[in-house]
Amino acid sequence: MLTRIKSLLKKVKDEPQEANELSEKLITAALMVEVMHSDHHLDEREEAAFRRVLVDFLDLGAEAASELRELAQETTAQATSLYEFTSQVNASFDYEAKLRLISNMWEIAFADGEIDRYEDGVIRRVAELTYVSHSDFIRKKLEVRDARREATDSQT
């Protein structure tokens, strides 16, 4: 972990634009890990949704997605609170990026077909700490839920 952090810090110094993008991806992945683990039950569907978000929404290859997942796991294991992540979100994400983050977190929460109160609580807290309006928090929840229903209906 320490060598990865040193590598990330070196990248910040050498290539600030690329490092900022990596930092945003790590924050997003770490917060999604928080959602995955909030209900104390890791479902295969959540894991698949997590990989899909990393590959599709964060535009990562399979190997980079695996590395980012591992780093996010380690980062969340060492974190003491959501504030460690949300303060970075507030420092580097614009409002649209915050909405994408909330949407991605809902993707993970809905992956197993039900929303656990702990999953909802983590996403709600992140939305509050990042100053995402309650109406946008609800709108993103409903958008993801409706998209998942449509996908399920089209498969049957």
N, C-alpha and C. Protein backbone atom coordinates (compact mmCIF):
# COMPACT_ATOMS: atom_id res chain seq x y z
N MET A 1 0.83 -1.19 0.00
CA MET A 1 0.00 0.00 0.00
C MET A 1 0.87 1.25 0.00
N LEU A 2 1.88 1.26 0.83
CA LEU A 2 2.74 2.43 0.94
C LEU A 2 3.42 2.73 -0.39
N THR A 3 3.88 1.71 -1.10
CA THR A 3 4.52 1.95 -2.40
C THR A 3 3.51 2.49 -3.41
N ARG A 4 2.26 2.03 -3.33
CA ARG A 4 1.25 2.55 -4.25
C ARG A 4 0.96 4.02 -3.96
N ILE A 5 0.89 4.37 -2.69
CA ILE A 5 0.65 5.77 -2.32
C ILE A 5 1.82 6.64 -2.77
N LYS A 6 3.05 6.16 -2.55
CA LYS A 6 4.23 6.90 -3.01
C LYS A 6 4.19 7.08 -4.52
N SER A 7 3.79 6.03 -5.22
CA SER A 7 3.70 6.10 -6.67
C SER A 7 2.66 7.13 -7.09
N LEU A 8 1.52 7.14 -6.40
CA LEU A 8 0.48 8.12 -6.70
C LEU A 8 0.97 9.53 -6.42
N LEU A 9 1.68 9.73 -5.30
CA LEU A 9 2.20 11.06 -4.97
C LEU A 9 3.23 11.52 -6.00
N LYS A 10 4.06 10.59 -6.48
CA LYS A 10 5.03 10.93 -7.52
C LYS A 10 4.32 11.35 -8.79
N LYS A 11 3.26 10.65 -9.11
CA LYS A 11 2.48 10.97 -10.30
C LYS A 11 1.86 12.36 -10.16
N VAL A 12 1.40 12.71 -8.97
CA VAL A 12 0.83 14.04 -8.72
C VAL A 12 1.86 15.11 -9.02
N LYS A 13 3.09 14.85 -8.59
CA LYS A 13 4.16 15.82 -8.81
C LYS A 13 4.56 15.89 -10.28
N ASP A 14 4.69 14.73 -10.92
CA ASP A 14 5.18 14.67 -12.30
C ASP A 14 4.10 14.96 -13.34
N GLU A 15 2.90 14.47 -13.10
CA GLU A 15 1.81 14.62 -14.08
C GLU A 15 0.53 14.99 -13.35
N PRO A 16 0.38 16.25 -12.95
CA PRO A 16 -0.77 16.63 -12.12
C PRO A 16 -2.13 16.34 -12.74
N GLN A 17 -2.28 16.52 -14.04
CA GLN A 17 -3.58 16.28 -14.68
C GLN A 17 -3.95 14.80 -14.60
N GLU A 18 -3.02 13.92 -14.96
CA GLU A 18 -3.28 12.49 -14.94
C GLU A 18 -3.48 11.99 -13.50
N ALA A 19 -2.71 12.53 -12.58
CA ALA A 19 -2.84 12.12 -11.17
C ALA A 19 -4.18 12.55 -10.60
N ASN A 20 -4.65 13.73 -10.97
CA ASN A 20 -5.95 14.20 -10.50
C ASN A 20 -7.05 13.27 -10.98
N GLU A 21 -6.95 12.83 -12.24
CA GLU A 21 -7.92 11.90 -12.79
C GLU A 21 -7.87 10.55 -12.04
N LEU A 22 -6.66 10.08 -11.76
CA LEU A 22 -6.49 8.84 -11.01
C LEU A 22 -7.04 8.99 -9.60
N SER A 23 -6.78 10.11 -8.97
CA SER A 23 -7.27 10.36 -7.62
C SER A 23 -8.80 10.35 -7.60
N GLU A 24 -9.44 10.98 -8.58
CA GLU A 24 -10.90 10.99 -8.65
C GLU A 24 -11.44 9.57 -8.85
N LYS A 25 -10.77 8.77 -9.65
CA LYS A 25 -11.20 7.39 -9.87
C LYS A 25 -11.04 6.57 -8.59
N LEU A 26 -9.95 6.80 -7.86
CA LEU A 26 -9.74 6.08 -6.61
C LEU A 26 -10.80 6.47 -5.58
N ILE A 27 -11.12 7.74 -5.48
CA ILE A 27 -12.15 8.19 -4.54
C ILE A 27 -13.49 7.55 -4.90
N THR A 28 -13.83 7.57 -6.18
CA THR A 28 -15.08 6.96 -6.63
C THR A 28 -15.11 5.47 -6.29
N ALA A 29 -14.02 4.78 -6.60
CA ALA A 29 -13.96 3.34 -6.32
C ALA A 29 -14.04 3.08 -4.82
N ALA A 30 -13.36 3.89 -4.02
CA ALA A 30 -13.38 3.69 -2.57
C ALA A 30 -14.78 3.89 -2.01
N LEU A 31 -15.49 4.89 -2.48
CA LEU A 31 -16.85 5.12 -1.98
C LEU A 31 -17.80 4.01 -2.45
N MET A 32 -17.56 3.47 -3.62
CA MET A 32 -18.38 2.34 -4.06
C MET A 32 -18.08 1.10 -3.21
N VAL A 33 -16.84 0.92 -2.83
CA VAL A 33 -16.49 -0.18 -1.93
C VAL A 33 -17.21 0.00 -0.59
N GLU A 34 -17.28 1.23 -0.11
CA GLU A 34 -18.01 1.49 1.14
C GLU A 34 -19.47 1.03 1.02
N VAL A 35 -20.09 1.29 -0.13
CA VAL A 35 -21.47 0.84 -0.33
C VAL A 35 -21.53 -0.68 -0.36
N MET A 36 -20.60 -1.31 -1.07
CA MET A 36 -20.60 -2.77 -1.18
C MET A 36 -20.49 -3.44 0.18
N HIS A 37 -19.73 -2.86 1.07
CA HIS A 37 -19.48 -3.48 2.37
C HIS A 37 -20.42 -2.99 3.46
N SER A 38 -21.24 -2.02 3.17
CA SER A 38 -22.08 -1.42 4.22
C SER A 38 -23.11 -2.39 4.79
N ASP A 39 -23.60 -3.32 3.97
CA ASP A 39 -24.61 -4.27 4.48
C ASP A 39 -23.98 -5.57 4.99
N HIS A 40 -22.65 -5.61 5.03
CA HIS A 40 -21.90 -6.75 5.55
C HIS A 40 -22.18 -8.05 4.78
N HIS A 41 -22.58 -7.90 3.52
CA HIS A 41 -22.83 -9.05 2.67
C HIS A 41 -22.41 -8.68 1.26
N LEU A 42 -21.36 -9.32 0.76
CA LEU A 42 -20.88 -9.04 -0.59
C LEU A 42 -21.53 -10.02 -1.55
N ASP A 43 -22.33 -9.49 -2.42
CA ASP A 43 -23.08 -10.26 -3.40
C ASP A 43 -22.30 -10.25 -4.72
N GLU A 44 -22.35 -11.35 -5.44
CA GLU A 44 -21.68 -11.43 -6.75
C GLU A 44 -22.17 -10.36 -7.70
N ARG A 45 -23.46 -10.05 -7.62
CA ARG A 45 -24.02 -9.02 -8.50
C ARG A 45 -23.46 -7.65 -8.19
N GLU A 46 -23.20 -7.38 -6.92
CA GLU A 46 -22.57 -6.10 -6.55
C GLU A 46 -21.14 -6.04 -7.09
N GLU A 47 -20.45 -7.14 -6.96
CA GLU A 47 -19.07 -7.21 -7.47
C GLU A 47 -19.06 -6.99 -8.99
N ALA A 48 -20.00 -7.61 -9.70
CA ALA A 48 -20.09 -7.45 -11.15
C ALA A 48 -20.44 -6.01 -11.52
N ALA A 49 -21.35 -5.41 -10.78
CA ALA A 49 -21.72 -4.01 -11.03
C ALA A 49 -20.53 -3.10 -10.77
N PHE A 50 -19.78 -3.39 -9.73
CA PHE A 50 -18.59 -2.61 -9.40
C PHE A 50 -17.60 -2.65 -10.56
N ARG A 51 -17.31 -3.86 -11.05
CA ARG A 51 -16.38 -3.99 -12.19
C ARG A 51 -16.91 -3.26 -13.42
N ARG A 52 -18.23 -3.38 -13.65
CA ARG A 52 -18.84 -2.72 -14.81
C ARG A 52 -18.67 -1.20 -14.72
N VAL A 53 -18.89 -0.64 -13.54
CA VAL A 53 -18.74 0.81 -13.36
C VAL A 53 -17.28 1.21 -13.60
N LEU A 54 -16.35 0.44 -13.06
CA LEU A 54 -14.93 0.76 -13.26
C LEU A 54 -14.54 0.74 -14.74
N VAL A 55 -15.03 -0.27 -15.45
CA VAL A 55 -14.67 -0.41 -16.86
C VAL A 55 -15.44 0.58 -17.73
N ASP A 56 -16.76 0.63 -17.56
CA ASP A 56 -17.59 1.45 -18.45
C ASP A 56 -17.60 2.93 -18.10
N PHE A 57 -17.86 3.25 -16.85
CA PHE A 57 -18.01 4.65 -16.47
C PHE A 57 -16.68 5.33 -16.18
N LEU A 58 -15.72 4.60 -15.64
CA LEU A 58 -14.42 5.20 -15.35
C LEU A 58 -13.42 4.95 -16.47
N ASP A 59 -13.88 4.23 -17.51
CA ASP A 59 -13.09 4.03 -18.72
C ASP A 59 -11.73 3.38 -18.43
N LEU A 60 -11.79 2.25 -17.70
CA LEU A 60 -10.57 1.53 -17.35
C LEU A 60 -10.56 0.18 -18.06
N GLY A 61 -9.38 -0.31 -18.35
CA GLY A 61 -9.23 -1.67 -18.85
C GLY A 61 -9.39 -2.64 -17.70
N ALA A 62 -9.49 -3.91 -18.02
CA ALA A 62 -9.72 -4.94 -16.99
C ALA A 62 -8.60 -4.97 -15.96
N GLU A 63 -7.34 -4.88 -16.40
CA GLU A 63 -6.22 -4.93 -15.46
C GLU A 63 -6.19 -3.69 -14.57
N ALA A 64 -6.39 -2.52 -15.17
CA ALA A 64 -6.41 -1.29 -14.39
C ALA A 64 -7.57 -1.28 -13.40
N ALA A 65 -8.71 -1.83 -13.82
CA ALA A 65 -9.87 -1.92 -12.93
C ALA A 65 -9.57 -2.81 -11.74
N SER A 66 -8.89 -3.93 -11.97
CA SER A 66 -8.52 -4.83 -10.87
C SER A 66 -7.56 -4.15 -9.90
N GLU A 67 -6.59 -3.44 -10.44
CA GLU A 67 -5.64 -2.72 -9.58
C GLU A 67 -6.34 -1.63 -8.78
N LEU A 68 -7.23 -0.90 -9.42
CA LEU A 68 -7.94 0.16 -8.73
C LEU A 68 -8.85 -0.42 -7.65
N ARG A 69 -9.47 -1.55 -7.94
CA ARG A 69 -10.33 -2.20 -6.94
C ARG A 69 -9.53 -2.59 -5.72
N GLU A 70 -8.36 -3.17 -5.95
CA GLU A 70 -7.51 -3.59 -4.84
C GLU A 70 -7.05 -2.38 -4.02
N LEU A 71 -6.65 -1.34 -4.70
CA LEU A 71 -6.21 -0.12 -4.01
C LEU A 71 -7.37 0.52 -3.24
N ALA A 72 -8.56 0.51 -3.82
CA ALA A 72 -9.74 1.06 -3.15
C ALA A 72 -10.06 0.26 -1.89
N GLN A 73 -9.95 -1.07 -1.99
CA GLN A 73 -10.17 -1.94 -0.83
C GLN A 73 -9.22 -1.57 0.30
N GLU A 74 -7.94 -1.44 -0.03
CA GLU A 74 -6.92 -1.11 0.96
C GLU A 74 -7.16 0.28 1.55
N THR A 75 -7.54 1.21 0.70
CA THR A 75 -7.77 2.58 1.15
C THR A 75 -8.95 2.65 2.11
N THR A 76 -10.04 1.97 1.79
CA THR A 76 -11.20 2.01 2.69
C THR A 76 -10.93 1.26 3.99
N ALA A 77 -10.11 0.22 3.93
CA ALA A 77 -9.79 -0.51 5.16
C ALA A 77 -9.02 0.36 6.14
N GLN A 78 -8.25 1.32 5.63
CA GLN A 78 -7.46 2.19 6.48
C GLN A 78 -8.18 3.49 6.84
N ALA A 79 -9.28 3.76 6.17
CA ALA A 79 -10.00 5.02 6.41
C ALA A 79 -10.73 4.97 7.75
N THR A 80 -10.84 6.12 8.38
CA THR A 80 -11.54 6.19 9.65
C THR A 80 -12.95 6.74 9.51
N SER A 81 -13.22 7.42 8.38
CA SER A 81 -14.57 7.97 8.17
C SER A 81 -14.77 8.30 6.70
N LEU A 82 -16.03 8.53 6.34
CA LEU A 82 -16.34 8.95 4.97
C LEU A 82 -15.76 10.33 4.67
N TYR A 83 -15.55 11.12 5.70
CA TYR A 83 -15.04 12.49 5.51
C TYR A 83 -13.70 12.49 4.78
N GLU A 84 -12.89 11.47 5.01
CA GLU A 84 -11.60 11.40 4.32
C GLU A 84 -11.78 11.42 2.80
N PHE A 85 -12.86 10.81 2.34
CA PHE A 85 -13.14 10.77 0.91
C PHE A 85 -13.96 11.98 0.46
N THR A 86 -14.97 12.33 1.24
CA THR A 86 -15.86 13.40 0.80
C THR A 86 -15.17 14.75 0.80
N SER A 87 -14.19 14.95 1.66
CA SER A 87 -13.45 16.22 1.62
C SER A 87 -12.68 16.33 0.31
N GLN A 88 -12.16 15.20 -0.18
CA GLN A 88 -11.47 15.20 -1.47
C GLN A 88 -12.46 15.39 -2.61
N VAL A 89 -13.64 14.82 -2.48
CA VAL A 89 -14.68 15.03 -3.50
C VAL A 89 -15.00 16.52 -3.59
N ASN A 90 -15.19 17.15 -2.46
CA ASN A 90 -15.51 18.58 -2.46
C ASN A 90 -14.38 19.43 -3.03
N ALA A 91 -13.16 18.99 -2.84
CA ALA A 91 -12.01 19.74 -3.33
C ALA A 91 -11.79 19.58 -4.84
N SER A 92 -12.19 18.43 -5.40
CA SER A 92 -11.82 18.20 -6.79
C SER A 92 -12.95 17.85 -7.75
N PHE A 93 -14.15 17.59 -7.27
CA PHE A 93 -15.26 17.24 -8.16
C PHE A 93 -16.15 18.46 -8.37
N ASP A 94 -16.57 18.68 -9.62
CA ASP A 94 -17.61 19.67 -9.83
C ASP A 94 -18.97 19.01 -9.54
N TYR A 95 -20.05 19.77 -9.61
CA TYR A 95 -21.35 19.23 -9.22
C TYR A 95 -21.77 18.04 -10.10
N GLU A 96 -21.50 18.13 -11.39
CA GLU A 96 -21.86 17.02 -12.29
C GLU A 96 -21.09 15.76 -11.93
N ALA A 97 -19.82 15.89 -11.58
CA ALA A 97 -19.03 14.72 -11.17
C ALA A 97 -19.57 14.14 -9.87
N LYS A 98 -20.04 14.99 -8.98
CA LYS A 98 -20.65 14.51 -7.73
C LYS A 98 -21.92 13.71 -8.04
N LEU A 99 -22.70 14.19 -9.00
CA LEU A 99 -23.91 13.46 -9.39
C LEU A 99 -23.58 12.11 -10.00
N ARG A 100 -22.52 12.05 -10.81
CA ARG A 100 -22.09 10.77 -11.39
C ARG A 100 -21.64 9.82 -10.28
N LEU A 101 -20.95 10.36 -9.29
CA LEU A 101 -20.52 9.55 -8.15
C LEU A 101 -21.73 8.95 -7.43
N ILE A 102 -22.72 9.77 -7.14
CA ILE A 102 -23.92 9.30 -6.45
C ILE A 102 -24.63 8.25 -7.31
N SER A 103 -24.72 8.49 -8.60
CA SER A 103 -25.34 7.54 -9.51
C SER A 103 -24.59 6.20 -9.51
N ASN A 104 -23.26 6.26 -9.56
CA ASN A 104 -22.45 5.03 -9.53
C ASN A 104 -22.63 4.28 -8.22
N MET A 105 -22.76 5.00 -7.13
CA MET A 105 -22.99 4.35 -5.84
C MET A 105 -24.35 3.65 -5.83
N TRP A 106 -25.36 4.29 -6.43
CA TRP A 106 -26.67 3.65 -6.54
C TRP A 106 -26.60 2.40 -7.41
N GLU A 107 -25.78 2.43 -8.46
CA GLU A 107 -25.60 1.23 -9.30
C GLU A 107 -25.17 0.04 -8.46
N ILE A 108 -24.26 0.27 -7.56
CA ILE A 108 -23.78 -0.81 -6.69
C ILE A 108 -24.89 -1.26 -5.74
N ALA A 109 -25.56 -0.30 -5.14
CA ALA A 109 -26.61 -0.61 -4.17
C ALA A 109 -27.76 -1.41 -4.79
N PHE A 110 -28.14 -1.07 -6.00
CA PHE A 110 -29.25 -1.75 -6.66
C PHE A 110 -28.86 -3.07 -7.31
N ALA A 111 -27.58 -3.38 -7.38
CA ALA A 111 -27.11 -4.54 -8.12
C ALA A 111 -27.71 -5.85 -7.65
N ASP A 112 -27.95 -5.99 -6.36
CA ASP A 112 -28.48 -7.25 -5.85
C ASP A 112 -30.01 -7.27 -5.79
N GLY A 113 -30.63 -6.24 -6.34
CA GLY A 113 -32.08 -6.22 -6.43
C GLY A 113 -32.80 -5.60 -5.25
N GLU A 114 -32.06 -5.23 -4.22
CA GLU A 114 -32.70 -4.60 -3.06
C GLU A 114 -31.75 -3.58 -2.44
N ILE A 115 -32.34 -2.57 -1.85
CA ILE A 115 -31.56 -1.55 -1.18
C ILE A 115 -31.60 -1.82 0.32
N ASP A 116 -30.45 -2.06 0.87
CA ASP A 116 -30.33 -2.24 2.31
C ASP A 116 -30.29 -0.85 2.95
N ARG A 117 -30.80 -0.73 4.15
CA ARG A 117 -30.83 0.58 4.80
C ARG A 117 -29.43 1.13 5.03
N TYR A 118 -28.45 0.25 5.20
CA TYR A 118 -27.07 0.71 5.38
C TYR A 118 -26.49 1.25 4.08
N GLU A 119 -26.82 0.60 2.97
CA GLU A 119 -26.39 1.11 1.66
C GLU A 119 -26.98 2.49 1.42
N ASP A 120 -28.28 2.61 1.65
CA ASP A 120 -28.95 3.89 1.50
C ASP A 120 -28.31 4.93 2.40
N GLY A 121 -27.99 4.54 3.63
CA GLY A 121 -27.39 5.47 4.58
C GLY A 121 -26.04 5.98 4.14
N VAL A 122 -25.21 5.10 3.60
CA VAL A 122 -23.89 5.52 3.13
C VAL A 122 -24.04 6.52 1.98
N ILE A 123 -24.89 6.20 1.03
CA ILE A 123 -25.06 7.09 -0.12
C ILE A 123 -25.66 8.42 0.32
N ARG A 124 -26.63 8.36 1.20
CA ARG A 124 -27.25 9.59 1.72
C ARG A 124 -26.22 10.46 2.42
N ARG A 125 -25.38 9.83 3.22
CA ARG A 125 -24.35 10.59 3.96
C ARG A 125 -23.34 11.21 3.01
N VAL A 126 -22.92 10.46 2.00
CA VAL A 126 -21.99 11.01 1.00
C VAL A 126 -22.63 12.19 0.28
N ALA A 127 -23.90 12.05 -0.09
CA ALA A 127 -24.60 13.15 -0.76
C ALA A 127 -24.63 14.39 0.14
N GLU A 128 -24.95 14.19 1.41
CA GLU A 128 -24.99 15.32 2.34
C GLU A 128 -23.62 15.98 2.50
N LEU A 129 -22.58 15.16 2.68
CA LEU A 129 -21.24 15.69 2.91
C LEU A 129 -20.64 16.35 1.67
N THR A 130 -21.17 16.01 0.50
CA THR A 130 -20.66 16.61 -0.75
C THR A 130 -21.61 17.68 -1.29
N TYR A 131 -22.59 18.02 -0.49
CA TYR A 131 -23.53 19.10 -0.83
C TYR A 131 -24.35 18.83 -2.09
N VAL A 132 -24.68 17.57 -2.30
CA VAL A 132 -25.60 17.19 -3.37
C VAL A 132 -27.00 17.39 -2.79
N SER A 133 -27.84 18.11 -3.52
CA SER A 133 -29.18 18.40 -3.00
C SER A 133 -29.98 17.11 -2.80
N HIS A 134 -30.89 17.17 -1.88
CA HIS A 134 -31.72 15.99 -1.60
C HIS A 134 -32.53 15.60 -2.84
N SER A 135 -33.00 16.59 -3.57
CA SER A 135 -33.78 16.27 -4.78
C SER A 135 -32.92 15.56 -5.82
N ASP A 136 -31.65 15.95 -5.97
CA ASP A 136 -30.76 15.26 -6.90
C ASP A 136 -30.40 13.87 -6.39
N PHE A 137 -30.24 13.73 -5.08
CA PHE A 137 -29.99 12.42 -4.47
C PHE A 137 -31.13 11.47 -4.81
N ILE A 138 -32.36 11.92 -4.63
CA ILE A 138 -33.54 11.10 -4.94
C ILE A 138 -33.66 10.86 -6.44
N ARG A 139 -33.42 11.89 -7.24
CA ARG A 139 -33.53 11.76 -8.69
C ARG A 139 -32.56 10.70 -9.21
N LYS A 140 -31.34 10.70 -8.73
CA LYS A 140 -30.35 9.70 -9.17
C LYS A 140 -30.77 8.30 -8.72
N LYS A 141 -31.31 8.19 -7.53
CA LYS A 141 -31.78 6.90 -7.03
C LYS A 141 -32.87 6.35 -7.95
N LEU A 142 -33.83 7.19 -8.29
CA LEU A 142 -34.94 6.76 -9.14
C LEU A 142 -34.49 6.46 -10.57
N GLU A 143 -33.55 7.25 -11.08
CA GLU A 143 -33.04 6.99 -12.43
C GLU A 143 -32.37 5.62 -12.52
N VAL A 144 -31.53 5.31 -11.54
CA VAL A 144 -30.85 4.02 -11.54
C VAL A 144 -31.85 2.89 -11.34
N ARG A 145 -32.76 3.06 -10.41
CA ARG A 145 -33.78 2.03 -10.16
C ARG A 145 -34.60 1.76 -11.42
N ASP A 146 -35.06 2.83 -12.08
CA ASP A 146 -35.88 2.68 -13.29
C ASP A 146 -35.09 2.04 -14.43
N ALA A 147 -33.83 2.42 -14.57
CA ALA A 147 -32.99 1.83 -15.63
C ALA A 147 -32.79 0.34 -15.37
N ARG A 148 -32.61 -0.03 -14.13
CA ARG A 148 -32.44 -1.45 -13.79
C ARG A 148 -33.73 -2.22 -14.07
N ARG A 149 -34.87 -1.62 -13.76
CA ARG A 149 -36.16 -2.28 -14.04
C ARG A 149 -36.34 -2.47 -15.53
N GLU A 150 -36.03 -1.45 -16.31
CA GLU A 150 -36.17 -1.54 -17.77
C GLU A 150 -35.26 -2.65 -18.31
N ALA A 151 -34.03 -2.71 -17.80
CA ALA A 151 -33.10 -3.74 -18.26
C ALA A 151 -33.62 -5.13 -17.90
N THR A 152 -34.18 -5.27 -16.71
CA THR A 152 -34.73 -6.55 -16.27
C THR A 152 -35.94 -6.92 -17.11
N ASP A 153 -36.82 -5.94 -17.37
CA ASP A 153 -38.02 -6.20 -18.17
C ASP A 153 -37.67 -6.59 -19.60
N SER A 154 -36.63 -5.98 -20.16
CA SER A 154 -36.26 -6.29 -21.55
C SER A 154 -35.61 -7.69 -21.66
N GLN A 155 -35.10 -8.20 -20.55
CA GLN A 155 -34.48 -9.53 -20.55
C GLN A 155 -35.53 -10.63 -20.46
N THR A 156 -36.73 -10.28 -20.00
CA THR A 156 -37.79 -11.31 -19.84
C THR A 156 -38.72 -11.32 -21.00
